[in-house]
């Protein structure tokens, strides 16, 4: 599936965000454009990947990235 997304011309990256703590990158998120078959007028995106360095997991890094990403996409 991931390989299919890499060659799908309609799955274009829309937003990539990095989270930093004390100047160190600790998390990353990527939203990509998605097409819904049968509903071409609906704007959609998917979230993948979401990654947080294990030492910083369970500290709301991933949730903060998701929240900020959703905010930026709805502007």
PDB file of N, CA and C in Angstrom:
ATOM      1  N   UNK A   1       0.822  -1.191   0.000  1.00  0.00           N
ATOM      2  CA  UNK A   1       0.000   0.000   0.000  1.00  0.00           C
ATOM      3  C   UNK A   1       0.863   1.250   0.000  1.00  0.00           C
ATOM      4  N   UNK A   2       1.865   1.337   0.875  1.00  0.00           N
ATOM      5  CA  UNK A   2       2.714   2.520   0.908  1.00  0.00           C
ATOM      6  C   UNK A   2       3.420   2.715  -0.421  1.00  0.00           C
ATOM      7  N   UNK A   3       3.878   1.636  -1.016  1.00  0.00           N
ATOM      8  CA  UNK A   3       4.530   1.731  -2.320  1.00  0.00           C
ATOM      9  C   UNK A   3       3.577   2.298  -3.352  1.00  0.00           C
ATOM     10  N   UNK A   4       2.313   1.883  -3.299  1.00  0.00           N
ATOM     11  CA  UNK A   4       1.312   2.392  -4.232  1.00  0.00           C
ATOM     12  C   UNK A   4       1.138   3.896  -4.084  1.00  0.00           C
ATOM     13  N   UNK A   5       1.175   4.391  -2.861  1.00  0.00           N
ATOM     14  CA  UNK A   5       1.025   5.828  -2.631  1.00  0.00           C
ATOM     15  C   UNK A   5       2.193   6.606  -3.216  1.00  0.00           C
ATOM     16  N   UNK A   6       3.386   6.041  -3.155  1.00  0.00           N
ATOM     17  CA  UNK A   6       4.561   6.734  -3.667  1.00  0.00           C
ATOM     18  C   UNK A   6       4.514   6.936  -5.171  1.00  0.00           C
ATOM     19  N   UNK A   7       3.825   6.069  -5.891  1.00  0.00           N
ATOM     20  CA  UNK A   7       3.742   6.205  -7.349  1.00  0.00           C
ATOM     21  C   UNK A   7       2.405   6.769  -7.814  1.00  0.00           C
ATOM     22  N   UNK A   8       1.483   7.035  -6.905  1.00  0.00           N
ATOM     23  CA  UNK A   8       0.176   7.596  -7.249  1.00  0.00           C
ATOM     24  C   UNK A   8       0.321   9.096  -7.468  1.00  0.00           C
ATOM     25  N   UNK A   9       0.120   9.589  -8.704  1.00  0.00           N
ATOM     26  CA  UNK A   9       0.304  11.020  -8.965  1.00  0.00           C
ATOM     27  C   UNK A   9      -0.710  11.903  -8.244  1.00  0.00           C
ATOM     28  N   UNK A  10      -1.825  11.343  -7.810  1.00  0.00           N
ATOM     29  CA  UNK A  10      -2.814  12.157  -7.096  1.00  0.00           C
ATOM     30  C   UNK A  10      -2.504  12.269  -5.602  1.00  0.00           C
ATOM     31  N   UNK A  11      -1.586  11.455  -5.093  1.00  0.00           N
ATOM     32  CA  UNK A  11      -1.239  11.466  -3.662  1.00  0.00           C
ATOM     33  C   UNK A  11      -0.046  12.389  -3.434  1.00  0.00           C
ATOM     34  N   UNK A  12      -0.290  13.678  -3.551  1.00  0.00           N
ATOM     35  CA  UNK A  12       0.782  14.659  -3.407  1.00  0.00           C
ATOM     36  C   UNK A  12       0.885  15.131  -1.960  1.00  0.00           C
ATOM     37  N   UNK A  13       2.121  15.233  -1.440  1.00  0.00           N
ATOM     38  CA  UNK A  13       2.277  15.775  -0.086  1.00  0.00           C
ATOM     39  C   UNK A  13       1.702  17.189  -0.002  1.00  0.00           C
ATOM     40  N   UNK A  14       0.923  17.446   1.048  1.00  0.00           N
ATOM     41  CA  UNK A  14       0.325  18.766   1.265  1.00  0.00           C
ATOM     42  C   UNK A  14       1.003  19.528   2.385  1.00  0.00           C
ATOM     43  N   UNK A  15       1.353  18.818   3.445  1.00  0.00           N
ATOM     44  CA  UNK A  15       1.871  19.485   4.632  1.00  0.00           C
ATOM     45  C   UNK A  15       2.791  18.541   5.391  1.00  0.00           C
ATOM     46  N   UNK A  16       3.975  19.025   5.700  1.00  0.00           N
ATOM     47  CA  UNK A  16       4.947  18.264   6.467  1.00  0.00           C
ATOM     48  C   UNK A  16       5.351  19.129   7.659  1.00  0.00           C
ATOM     49  N   UNK A  17       5.240  18.593   8.872  1.00  0.00           N
ATOM     50  CA  UNK A  17       5.572  19.343  10.077  1.00  0.00           C
ATOM     51  C   UNK A  17       6.572  18.575  10.929  1.00  0.00           C
ATOM     52  N   UNK A  18       7.477  19.316  11.549  1.00  0.00           N
ATOM     53  CA  UNK A  18       8.421  18.747  12.500  1.00  0.00           C
ATOM     54  C   UNK A  18       8.147  19.339  13.872  1.00  0.00           C
ATOM     55  N   UNK A  19       8.286  18.530  14.892  1.00  0.00           N
ATOM     56  CA  UNK A  19       8.186  19.000  16.276  1.00  0.00           C
ATOM     57  C   UNK A  19       9.597  19.024  16.856  1.00  0.00           C
ATOM     58  N   UNK A  20       9.896  20.095  17.586  1.00  0.00           N
ATOM     59  CA  UNK A  20      11.204  20.244  18.209  1.00  0.00           C
ATOM     60  C   UNK A  20      11.051  20.428  19.710  1.00  0.00           C
ATOM     61  N   UNK A  21      11.962  19.832  20.452  1.00  0.00           N
ATOM     62  CA  UNK A  21      12.088  20.070  21.889  1.00  0.00           C
ATOM     63  C   UNK A  21      13.547  20.413  22.135  1.00  0.00           C
ATOM     64  N   UNK A  22      13.765  21.584  22.712  1.00  0.00           N
ATOM     65  CA  UNK A  22      15.130  22.074  22.981  1.00  0.00           C
ATOM     66  C   UNK A  22      16.006  22.031  21.723  1.00  0.00           C
ATOM     67  N   UNK A  23      15.415  22.409  20.583  1.00  0.00           N
ATOM     68  CA  UNK A  23      16.165  22.467  19.333  1.00  0.00           C
ATOM     69  C   UNK A  23      16.374  21.135  18.649  1.00  0.00           C
ATOM     70  N   UNK A  24      15.914  20.049  19.253  1.00  0.00           N
ATOM     71  CA  UNK A  24      16.082  18.703  18.688  1.00  0.00           C
ATOM     72  C   UNK A  24      14.785  18.276  18.015  1.00  0.00           C
ATOM     73  N   UNK A  25      14.837  17.824  16.740  1.00  0.00           N
ATOM     74  CA  UNK A  25      13.617  17.300  16.120  1.00  0.00           C
ATOM     75  C   UNK A  25      13.215  15.995  16.813  1.00  0.00           C
ATOM     76  N   UNK A  26      11.948  15.930  17.248  1.00  0.00           N
ATOM     77  CA  UNK A  26      11.486  14.749  17.987  1.00  0.00           C
ATOM     78  C   UNK A  26      10.272  14.097  17.349  1.00  0.00           C
ATOM     79  N   UNK A  27       9.641  14.765  16.381  1.00  0.00           N
ATOM     80  CA  UNK A  27       8.463  14.181  15.752  1.00  0.00           C
ATOM     81  C   UNK A  27       8.248  14.741  14.358  1.00  0.00           C
ATOM     82  N   UNK A  28       7.558  13.970  13.536  1.00  0.00           N
ATOM     83  CA  UNK A  28       7.264  14.376  12.157  1.00  0.00           C
ATOM     84  C   UNK A  28       5.888  13.865  11.769  1.00  0.00           C
ATOM     85  N   UNK A  29       5.212  14.662  10.945  1.00  0.00           N
ATOM     86  CA  UNK A  29       3.907  14.267  10.432  1.00  0.00           C
ATOM     87  C   UNK A  29       3.812  14.709   8.973  1.00  0.00           C
ATOM     88  N   UNK A  30       3.110  13.932   8.168  1.00  0.00           N
ATOM     89  CA  UNK A  30       2.918  14.265   6.758  1.00  0.00           C
ATOM     90  C   UNK A  30       1.460  14.044   6.383  1.00  0.00           C
ATOM     91  N   UNK A  31       0.852  15.073   5.837  1.00  0.00           N
ATOM     92  CA  UNK A  31      -0.488  14.963   5.264  1.00  0.00           C
ATOM     93  C   UNK A  31      -0.333  14.954   3.748  1.00  0.00           C
ATOM     94  N   UNK A  32      -1.025  14.066   3.074  1.00  0.00           N
ATOM     95  CA  UNK A  32      -0.990  13.986   1.615  1.00  0.00           C
ATOM     96  C   UNK A  32      -2.394  14.110   1.052  1.00  0.00           C
ATOM     97  N   UNK A  33      -2.462  14.614  -0.167  1.00  0.00           N
ATOM     98  CA  UNK A  33      -3.728  14.760  -0.868  1.00  0.00           C
ATOM     99  C   UNK A  33      -4.308  13.371  -1.152  1.00  0.00           C
ATOM    100  N   UNK A  34      -5.612  13.267  -1.042  1.00  0.00           N
ATOM    101  CA  UNK A  34      -6.295  12.005  -1.338  1.00  0.00           C
ATOM    102  C   UNK A  34      -7.462  12.281  -2.284  1.00  0.00           C
ATOM    103  N   UNK A  35      -7.764  11.312  -3.111  1.00  0.00           N
ATOM    104  CA  UNK A  35      -8.904  11.391  -4.007  1.00  0.00           C
ATOM    105  C   UNK A  35      -9.896  10.320  -3.593  1.00  0.00           C
ATOM    106  N   UNK A  36     -11.152  10.709  -3.447  1.00  0.00           N
ATOM    107  CA  UNK A  36     -12.202   9.758  -3.098  1.00  0.00           C
ATOM    108  C   UNK A  36     -12.894   9.350  -4.385  1.00  0.00           C
ATOM    109  N   UNK A  37     -12.787   8.084  -4.726  1.00  0.00           N
ATOM    110  CA  UNK A  37     -13.388   7.581  -5.953  1.00  0.00           C
ATOM    111  C   UNK A  37     -14.898   7.794  -5.892  1.00  0.00           C
ATOM    112  N   UNK A  38     -15.449   8.401  -6.936  1.00  0.00           N
ATOM    113  CA  UNK A  38     -16.880   8.645  -6.990  1.00  0.00           C
ATOM    114  C   UNK A  38     -17.304   9.962  -6.350  1.00  0.00           C
ATOM    115  N   UNK A  39     -16.347  10.682  -5.752  1.00  0.00           N
ATOM    116  CA  UNK A  39     -16.666  11.969  -5.122  1.00  0.00           C
ATOM    117  C   UNK A  39     -15.531  12.958  -5.392  1.00  0.00           C
ATOM    118  N   UNK A  40     -15.299  13.296  -6.653  1.00  0.00           N
ATOM    119  CA  UNK A  40     -14.143  14.132  -7.003  1.00  0.00           C
ATOM    120  C   UNK A  40     -14.189  15.554  -6.447  1.00  0.00           C
ATOM    121  N   UNK A  41     -15.354  16.027  -6.032  1.00  0.00           N
ATOM    122  CA  UNK A  41     -15.471  17.394  -5.520  1.00  0.00           C
ATOM    123  C   UNK A  41     -15.191  17.516  -4.027  1.00  0.00           C
ATOM    124  N   UNK A  42     -14.975  16.393  -3.362  1.00  0.00           N
ATOM    125  CA  UNK A  42     -14.677  16.413  -1.928  1.00  0.00           C
ATOM    126  C   UNK A  42     -13.168  16.511  -1.751  1.00  0.00           C
ATOM    127  N   UNK A  43     -12.726  17.529  -1.001  1.00  0.00           N
ATOM    128  CA  UNK A  43     -11.303  17.661  -0.696  1.00  0.00           C
ATOM    129  C   UNK A  43     -10.984  16.727   0.461  1.00  0.00           C
ATOM    130  N   UNK A  44      -9.937  15.940   0.291  1.00  0.00           N
ATOM    131  CA  UNK A  44      -9.568  14.984   1.335  1.00  0.00           C
ATOM    132  C   UNK A  44      -8.054  14.883   1.433  1.00  0.00           C
ATOM    133  N   UNK A  45      -7.594  14.462   2.585  1.00  0.00           N
ATOM    134  CA  UNK A  45      -6.176  14.191   2.779  1.00  0.00           C
ATOM    135  C   UNK A  45      -6.045  13.031   3.756  1.00  0.00           C
ATOM    136  N   UNK A  46      -4.879  12.415   3.743  1.00  0.00           N
ATOM    137  CA  UNK A  46      -4.628  11.350   4.712  1.00  0.00           C
ATOM    138  C   UNK A  46      -3.341  11.668   5.463  1.00  0.00           C
ATOM    139  N   UNK A  47      -3.260  11.139   6.641  1.00  0.00           N
ATOM    140  CA  UNK A  47      -2.144  11.380   7.537  1.00  0.00           C
ATOM    141  C   UNK A  47      -1.296  10.122   7.587  1.00  0.00           C
ATOM    142  N   UNK A  48      -0.097  10.217   7.086  1.00  0.00           N
ATOM    143  CA  UNK A  48       0.847   9.110   7.176  1.00  0.00           C
ATOM    144  C   UNK A  48       2.166   9.578   6.580  1.00  0.00           C
ATOM    145  N   UNK A  49       3.223   9.420   7.209  1.00  0.00           N
ATOM    146  CA  UNK A  49       3.411   8.817   8.516  1.00  0.00           C
ATOM    147  C   UNK A  49       3.310   9.843   9.646  1.00  0.00           C
ATOM    148  N   UNK A  50       3.184   9.349  10.817  1.00  0.00           N
ATOM    149  CA  UNK A  50       3.324  10.119  12.055  1.00  0.00           C
ATOM    150  C   UNK A  50       4.382   9.382  12.858  1.00  0.00           C
ATOM    151  N   UNK A  51       5.446  10.088  13.203  1.00  0.00           N
ATOM    152  CA  UNK A  51       6.543   9.448  13.934  1.00  0.00           C
ATOM    153  C   UNK A  51       7.008  10.334  15.071  1.00  0.00           C
ATOM    154  N   UNK A  52       7.271   9.725  16.204  1.00  0.00           N
ATOM    155  CA  UNK A  52       7.816  10.432  17.363  1.00  0.00           C
ATOM    156  C   UNK A  52       8.936   9.556  17.935  1.00  0.00           C
ATOM    157  N   UNK A  53      10.062  10.170  18.211  1.00  0.00           N
ATOM    158  CA  UNK A  53      11.183   9.438  18.811  1.00  0.00           C
ATOM    159  C   UNK A  53      10.687   8.786  20.111  1.00  0.00           C
ATOM    160  N   UNK A  54      10.990   7.501  20.330  1.00  0.00           N
ATOM    161  CA  UNK A  54      10.453   6.789  21.495  1.00  0.00           C
ATOM    162  C   UNK A  54      10.614   7.530  22.825  1.00  0.00           C
ATOM    163  N   UNK A  55      11.729   8.171  23.050  1.00  0.00           N
ATOM    164  CA  UNK A  55      11.977   8.886  24.305  1.00  0.00           C
ATOM    165  C   UNK A  55      10.940   9.998  24.545  1.00  0.00           C
ATOM    166  N   UNK A  56      10.330  10.502  23.466  1.00  0.00           N
ATOM    167  CA  UNK A  56       9.392  11.613  23.582  1.00  0.00           C
ATOM    168  C   UNK A  56       7.932  11.197  23.371  1.00  0.00           C
ATOM    169  N   UNK A  57       7.690   9.905  23.238  1.00  0.00           N
ATOM    170  CA  UNK A  57       6.318   9.429  23.102  1.00  0.00           C
ATOM    171  C   UNK A  57       5.568   9.582  24.415  1.00  0.00           C
ATOM    172  N   UNK A  58       4.253   9.646  24.324  1.00  0.00           N
ATOM    173  CA  UNK A  58       3.361   9.807  25.483  1.00  0.00           C
ATOM    174  C   UNK A  58       3.565  11.156  26.175  1.00  0.00           C
ATOM    175  N   UNK A  59       3.995  12.160  25.374  1.00  0.00           N
ATOM    176  CA  UNK A  59       4.176  13.514  25.894  1.00  0.00           C
ATOM    177  C   UNK A  59       3.399  14.521  25.042  1.00  0.00           C
ATOM    178  N   UNK A  60       2.407  14.035  24.306  1.00  0.00           N
ATOM    179  CA  UNK A  60       1.518  14.855  23.469  1.00  0.00           C
ATOM    180  C   UNK A  60       2.188  15.445  22.232  1.00  0.00           C
ATOM    181  N   UNK A  61       3.359  14.943  21.852  1.00  0.00           N
ATOM    182  CA  UNK A  61       4.034  15.435  20.654  1.00  0.00           C
ATOM    183  C   UNK A  61       3.216  15.081  19.418  1.00  0.00           C
ATOM    184  N   UNK A  62       2.831  13.812  19.292  1.00  0.00           N
ATOM    185  CA  UNK A  62       2.048  13.379  18.128  1.00  0.00           C
ATOM    186  C   UNK A  62       0.699  14.077  18.057  1.00  0.00           C
ATOM    187  N   UNK A  63       0.024  14.167  19.186  1.00  0.00           N
ATOM    188  CA  UNK A  63      -1.280  14.833  19.220  1.00  0.00           C
ATOM    189  C   UNK A  63      -1.181  16.301  18.843  1.00  0.00           C
ATOM    190  N   UNK A  64      -0.122  16.948  19.291  1.00  0.00           N
ATOM    191  CA  UNK A  64       0.084  18.359  18.946  1.00  0.00           C
ATOM    192  C   UNK A  64       0.361  18.529  17.459  1.00  0.00           C
ATOM    193  N   UNK A  65       1.123  17.616  16.879  1.00  0.00           N
ATOM    194  CA  UNK A  65       1.369  17.668  15.437  1.00  0.00           C
ATOM    195  C   UNK A  65       0.069  17.486  14.655  1.00  0.00           C
ATOM    196  N   UNK A  66      -0.751  16.537  15.075  1.00  0.00           N
ATOM    197  CA  UNK A  66      -2.031  16.303  14.398  1.00  0.00           C
ATOM    198  C   UNK A  66      -2.912  17.538  14.503  1.00  0.00           C
ATOM    199  N   UNK A  67      -3.040  18.075  15.697  1.00  0.00           N
ATOM    200  CA  UNK A  67      -3.891  19.255  15.907  1.00  0.00           C
ATOM    201  C   UNK A  67      -3.430  20.424  15.042  1.00  0.00           C
ATOM    202  N   UNK A  68      -2.128  20.712  15.046  1.00  0.00           N
ATOM    203  CA  UNK A  68      -1.605  21.826  14.253  1.00  0.00           C
ATOM    204  C   UNK A  68      -1.801  21.567  12.761  1.00  0.00           C
ATOM    205  N   UNK A  69      -1.575  20.350  12.338  1.00  0.00           N
ATOM    206  CA  UNK A  69      -1.771  20.007  10.929  1.00  0.00           C
ATOM    207  C   UNK A  69      -3.204  20.201  10.483  1.00  0.00           C
ATOM    208  N   UNK A  70      -4.146  19.780  11.299  1.00  0.00           N
ATOM    209  CA  UNK A  70      -5.565  19.960  10.961  1.00  0.00           C
ATOM    210  C   UNK A  70      -5.928  21.441  10.934  1.00  0.00           C
ATOM    211  N   UNK A  71      -5.407  22.210  11.881  1.00  0.00           N
ATOM    212  CA  UNK A  71      -5.652  23.660  11.897  1.00  0.00           C
ATOM    213  C   UNK A  71      -5.142  24.323  10.611  1.00  0.00           C
ATOM    214  N   UNK A  72      -3.941  23.978  10.212  1.00  0.00           N
ATOM    215  CA  UNK A  72      -3.344  24.591   9.029  1.00  0.00           C
ATOM    216  C   UNK A  72      -4.083  24.199   7.751  1.00  0.00           C
ATOM    217  N   UNK A  73      -4.614  23.003   7.706  1.00  0.00           N
ATOM    218  CA  UNK A  73      -5.321  22.554   6.498  1.00  0.00           C
ATOM    219  C   UNK A  73      -6.694  23.198   6.358  1.00  0.00           C
ATOM    220  N   UNK A  74      -7.282  23.638   7.449  1.00  0.00           N
ATOM    221  CA  UNK A  74      -8.619  24.222   7.369  1.00  0.00           C
ATOM    222  C   UNK A  74      -8.571  25.739   7.197  1.00  0.00           C
ATOM    223  N   UNK A  75      -7.387  26.311   7.132  1.00  0.00           N
ATOM    224  CA  UNK A  75      -7.263  27.773   6.946  1.00  0.00           C
ATOM    225  C   UNK A  75      -7.422  28.133   5.490  1.00  0.00           C
TER     226      UNK A  75
END
